[in-house]
Amino acid sequence: MPIRTNRGRAAVYRRLWGWPLRSPRHLAVTIIGFAVLIAVVSVVVPNAIESKTTAAGTTSAPPTTGAGQVGVLPASGATTTPPPTKAASPTSAPPTAAVAPEAQIVAENWAEAFVSFKPGTTKEAWLKGLESYTSTEFFPQLASIDPANAPTVIKGVVKSTKSFTDSVEFEVPLESGKLLLTVVKRPEGWRVHRYDKVG
């Protein structure tokens, strides 16, 4: 008959708990049983966890076909392109080129306009003579120059010192020192983009 009272249950539990203490033999059997149970659990539980992890990895893995599979060497006949070791270094200087005739003319006309300031000439007229030969980026800087301090005589030929496909450097000899001009190629044509006075 089923146990229906708390007293009956307590009596059964007392019998179960007291069984290992009835004799040394019962105690030895109980200890051995616990040891076997712990050993079985320590072996079965890790194996079960590992099998679940393996199954999850198998279902989420990408297709294994193709030579690009991670962890698989390509077939002997497959050709692979090795990754580049480093980026190609840029060229240190633009390619040189012959001096464009238009650049030469602009340099000569700009130099003549630059030394054309005479007493009685206005600064506006002086700037007007330079405007058509000067780049739009550089022209505002000329407005800060006092044309009375500009050189007035060119002593020699305007000659190029360096020439590239989109820029040319010229040297203009003066009475004292020289002008160094940089003429650049713009959509509207060749224009003086910089000058320096040396000496």
Protein backbone atom coordinates (compact mmCIF):
# COMPACT_ATOMS: atom_id res chain seq x y z
CA MET A 1 0.00 0.00 0.00
CA PRO A 2 1.24 3.54 -0.64
CA ILE A 3 2.55 5.53 2.32
CA ARG A 4 -0.07 8.20 3.07
CA THR A 5 1.22 9.71 6.35
CA ASN A 6 4.27 11.78 7.21
CA ARG A 7 5.16 9.31 9.95
CA GLY A 8 5.29 6.47 7.47
CA ARG A 9 7.53 8.45 5.10
CA ALA A 10 9.85 9.45 7.91
CA ALA A 11 10.19 5.84 8.99
CA VAL A 12 11.11 4.79 5.46
CA TYR A 13 13.68 7.60 5.14
CA ARG A 14 15.22 6.66 8.49
CA ARG A 15 15.61 3.10 7.32
CA LEU A 16 17.33 4.24 4.12
CA TRP A 17 19.69 6.64 5.89
CA GLY A 18 20.46 4.17 8.63
CA TRP A 19 21.18 1.22 6.31
CA PRO A 20 24.87 2.14 5.65
CA LEU A 21 25.49 2.42 9.40
CA ARG A 22 24.10 -0.95 10.36
CA SER A 23 27.37 -2.73 9.68
CA PRO A 24 30.86 -2.18 8.26
CA ARG A 25 29.87 -4.21 5.20
CA HIS A 26 26.92 -1.89 4.45
CA LEU A 27 29.19 1.14 4.86
CA ALA A 28 31.81 -0.32 2.47
CA VAL A 29 29.15 -1.09 -0.15
CA THR A 30 27.76 2.46 0.15
CA ILE A 31 31.21 4.07 -0.28
CA ILE A 32 32.03 1.87 -3.29
CA GLY A 33 28.66 2.70 -4.84
CA PHE A 34 29.25 6.45 -4.48
CA ALA A 35 32.74 6.12 -5.96
CA VAL A 36 31.40 4.22 -8.99
CA LEU A 37 28.63 6.81 -9.45
CA ILE A 38 31.10 9.73 -9.37
CA ALA A 39 33.41 7.95 -11.86
CA VAL A 40 30.53 7.30 -14.27
CA VAL A 41 29.32 10.92 -14.07
CA SER A 42 32.84 12.32 -14.62
CA VAL A 43 33.19 10.27 -17.82
CA VAL A 44 29.68 10.51 -19.25
CA VAL A 45 29.05 14.27 -18.75
CA PRO A 46 32.19 15.58 -20.59
CA ASN A 47 31.57 13.17 -23.48
CA ALA A 48 27.99 14.37 -23.79
CA ILE A 49 29.06 18.04 -23.81
CA GLU A 50 31.78 17.36 -26.40
CA SER A 51 29.39 15.52 -28.71
CA LYS A 52 26.93 18.43 -28.55
CA THR A 53 29.66 20.96 -29.36
CA THR A 54 30.89 18.87 -32.30
CA ALA A 55 27.37 18.52 -33.68
CA ALA A 56 26.80 22.28 -33.42
CA GLY A 57 30.09 23.04 -35.18
CA THR A 58 29.26 20.59 -37.96
CA THR A 59 25.88 22.17 -38.68
CA SER A 60 27.24 25.75 -38.72
CA ALA A 61 30.37 25.06 -40.77
CA PRO A 62 30.52 26.47 -44.33
CA PRO A 63 30.58 24.14 -47.35
CA THR A 64 33.78 22.17 -47.56
CA THR A 65 34.13 22.21 -51.34
CA GLY A 66 36.68 24.36 -53.10
CA ALA A 67 40.36 25.06 -52.73
CA GLY A 68 39.82 28.08 -50.45
CA GLN A 69 38.49 26.05 -47.49
CA VAL A 70 39.99 27.14 -44.20
CA GLY A 71 42.48 24.60 -42.84
CA VAL A 72 42.63 22.54 -46.05
CA LEU A 73 45.55 22.69 -48.44
CA PRO A 74 44.63 23.27 -52.10
CA ALA A 75 44.99 20.46 -54.59
CA SER A 76 48.34 20.11 -56.30
CA GLY A 77 46.91 21.29 -59.62
CA ALA A 78 45.17 24.36 -58.19
CA THR A 79 46.81 27.73 -58.75
CA THR A 80 46.67 30.31 -55.99
CA THR A 81 47.83 33.92 -56.01
CA PRO A 82 50.06 34.75 -53.02
CA PRO A 83 49.13 37.90 -51.10
CA PRO A 84 51.28 40.93 -51.87
CA THR A 85 54.15 41.38 -49.44
CA LYS A 86 53.96 45.18 -49.49
CA ALA A 87 52.46 47.99 -51.49
CA ALA A 88 54.43 49.28 -54.41
CA SER A 89 56.37 52.38 -53.49
CA PRO A 90 55.27 55.53 -55.34
CA THR A 91 57.67 57.18 -57.72
CA SER A 92 59.87 59.75 -56.04
CA ALA A 93 59.42 62.39 -58.75
CA PRO A 94 57.07 63.03 -61.68
CA PRO A 95 58.38 62.07 -65.13
CA THR A 96 60.50 64.64 -66.88
CA ALA A 97 59.46 66.05 -70.25
CA ALA A 98 60.56 68.57 -72.83
CA VAL A 99 59.74 72.21 -72.09
CA ALA A 100 56.36 73.14 -73.55
CA PRO A 101 56.66 76.23 -75.80
CA GLU A 102 53.54 77.72 -74.18
CA ALA A 103 55.17 77.44 -70.74
CA GLN A 104 58.28 79.23 -72.02
CA ILE A 105 56.20 82.09 -73.47
CA VAL A 106 54.18 82.47 -70.27
CA ALA A 107 57.36 82.60 -68.16
CA GLU A 108 58.90 85.28 -70.40
CA ASN A 109 55.72 87.42 -70.54
CA TRP A 110 55.18 87.16 -66.76
CA ALA A 111 58.79 88.18 -66.07
CA GLU A 112 58.48 91.20 -68.40
CA ALA A 113 55.21 92.25 -66.75
CA PHE A 114 56.71 91.79 -63.28
CA VAL A 115 59.62 94.21 -63.98
CA SER A 116 57.46 96.68 -65.94
CA PHE A 117 56.49 98.92 -63.01
CA LYS A 118 57.68 102.48 -63.60
CA PRO A 119 57.05 105.77 -61.77
CA GLY A 120 53.54 106.92 -62.61
CA THR A 121 52.23 103.37 -63.16
CA THR A 122 49.44 102.33 -60.83
CA LYS A 123 49.48 99.11 -58.89
CA GLU A 124 46.19 98.09 -60.54
CA ALA A 125 47.74 98.43 -64.00
CA TRP A 126 50.77 96.43 -62.87
CA LEU A 127 48.55 93.64 -61.51
CA LYS A 128 46.44 93.71 -64.68
CA GLY A 129 49.54 92.96 -66.74
CA LEU A 130 50.31 89.92 -64.57
CA GLU A 131 46.80 88.53 -64.23
CA SER A 132 46.53 86.70 -67.54
CA TYR A 133 49.82 84.84 -66.88
CA THR A 134 49.19 83.98 -63.19
CA SER A 135 47.20 81.09 -61.71
CA THR A 136 43.98 82.02 -59.93
CA GLU A 137 45.36 80.54 -56.68
CA PHE A 138 48.56 82.61 -56.77
CA PHE A 139 47.23 85.93 -58.11
CA PRO A 140 45.74 87.14 -54.77
CA GLN A 141 49.22 86.91 -53.21
CA LEU A 142 50.58 89.39 -55.76
CA ALA A 143 48.18 92.03 -54.40
CA SER A 144 50.23 92.11 -51.17
CA ILE A 145 53.43 93.07 -53.04
CA ASP A 146 54.57 96.67 -53.35
CA PRO A 147 55.47 96.92 -57.05
CA ALA A 148 57.89 99.78 -56.26
CA ASN A 149 60.13 97.14 -54.64
CA ALA A 150 60.00 94.81 -57.65
CA PRO A 151 63.09 94.53 -59.89
CA THR A 152 63.01 96.61 -63.07
CA VAL A 153 65.60 95.02 -65.38
CA ILE A 154 66.06 91.51 -66.77
CA LYS A 155 69.72 90.75 -67.51
CA GLY A 156 69.70 87.71 -69.73
CA VAL A 157 67.53 84.92 -71.13
CA VAL A 158 64.70 83.22 -69.29
CA LYS A 159 65.73 79.56 -69.22
CA SER A 160 64.23 76.39 -67.80
CA THR A 161 66.00 74.49 -65.02
CA LYS A 162 63.55 71.60 -64.52
CA SER A 163 60.77 70.39 -66.78
CA PHE A 164 57.98 67.90 -66.09
CA THR A 165 54.77 66.98 -67.89
CA ASP A 166 52.64 69.38 -65.83
CA SER A 167 55.12 71.94 -64.46
CA VAL A 168 58.29 73.75 -65.47
CA GLU A 169 60.76 75.73 -63.36
CA PHE A 170 62.43 78.78 -64.91
CA GLU A 171 65.30 81.05 -63.92
CA VAL A 172 65.17 84.78 -64.73
CA PRO A 173 68.51 86.64 -64.33
CA LEU A 174 68.25 90.15 -62.87
CA GLU A 175 70.65 93.03 -62.18
CA SER A 176 71.02 91.65 -58.68
CA GLY A 177 70.07 88.04 -58.09
CA LYS A 178 67.48 86.12 -60.02
CA LEU A 179 63.81 85.12 -60.08
CA LEU A 180 62.82 81.48 -59.83
CA LEU A 181 59.42 80.84 -61.46
CA THR A 182 57.24 77.75 -61.29
CA VAL A 183 54.85 77.49 -64.23
CA VAL A 184 52.08 74.88 -63.97
CA LYS A 185 49.61 73.45 -66.43
CA ARG A 186 45.98 74.42 -65.77
CA PRO A 187 42.77 73.74 -67.72
CA GLU A 188 42.97 77.31 -69.01
CA GLY A 189 46.64 76.90 -70.00
CA TRP A 190 50.10 77.35 -68.49
CA ARG A 191 50.26 79.81 -65.61
CA VAL A 192 52.88 81.08 -63.14
CA HIS A 193 52.02 79.52 -59.78
CA ARG A 194 54.98 80.65 -57.66
CA TYR A 195 58.04 82.84 -57.70
CA ASP A 196 61.06 83.33 -55.43
CA LYS A 197 63.72 86.04 -55.56
CA VAL A 198 67.23 84.79 -54.88
CA GLY A 199 70.12 87.16 -54.19
